[in-house]
Amino acid sequence: MSRLKNKIVIKSSKSGMTVILDPECPFEELIAEIAEKFRESAKFWGNIQMALMLEGRKLTAGEELRIVNTITENSGLEILCLIDNDADRIES
């Protein structure tokens, strides 16, 4: 059972958007939750471009791409770049 009440949490800042992902939730459930949240909040975000940071769990490049595509398909957002804050990946 997941510890987080919400499977995803969206935080916005001047530099972009952070999506915090439940580390315990199956990936397919996260994708469905992301699609629903961004579809419901599409009017709030409008048609803008922004940077995206994903936190809360390790993701493959393919999973990151699926998340970006899910966000853009369900909103007017255009994700310009992913901000990587994984120190291990940044060093290599």
Foldseek 3Di string as FASTA:
>chain_A
DFPDPQQWDWDADPQFIEIEGGAPDPLVVVLVSLLVVLLVCQVVVDQEEHAYEYHHHDDDPVSVVSSQVSNVVRHNYHHPYYDDPPPVVVVD
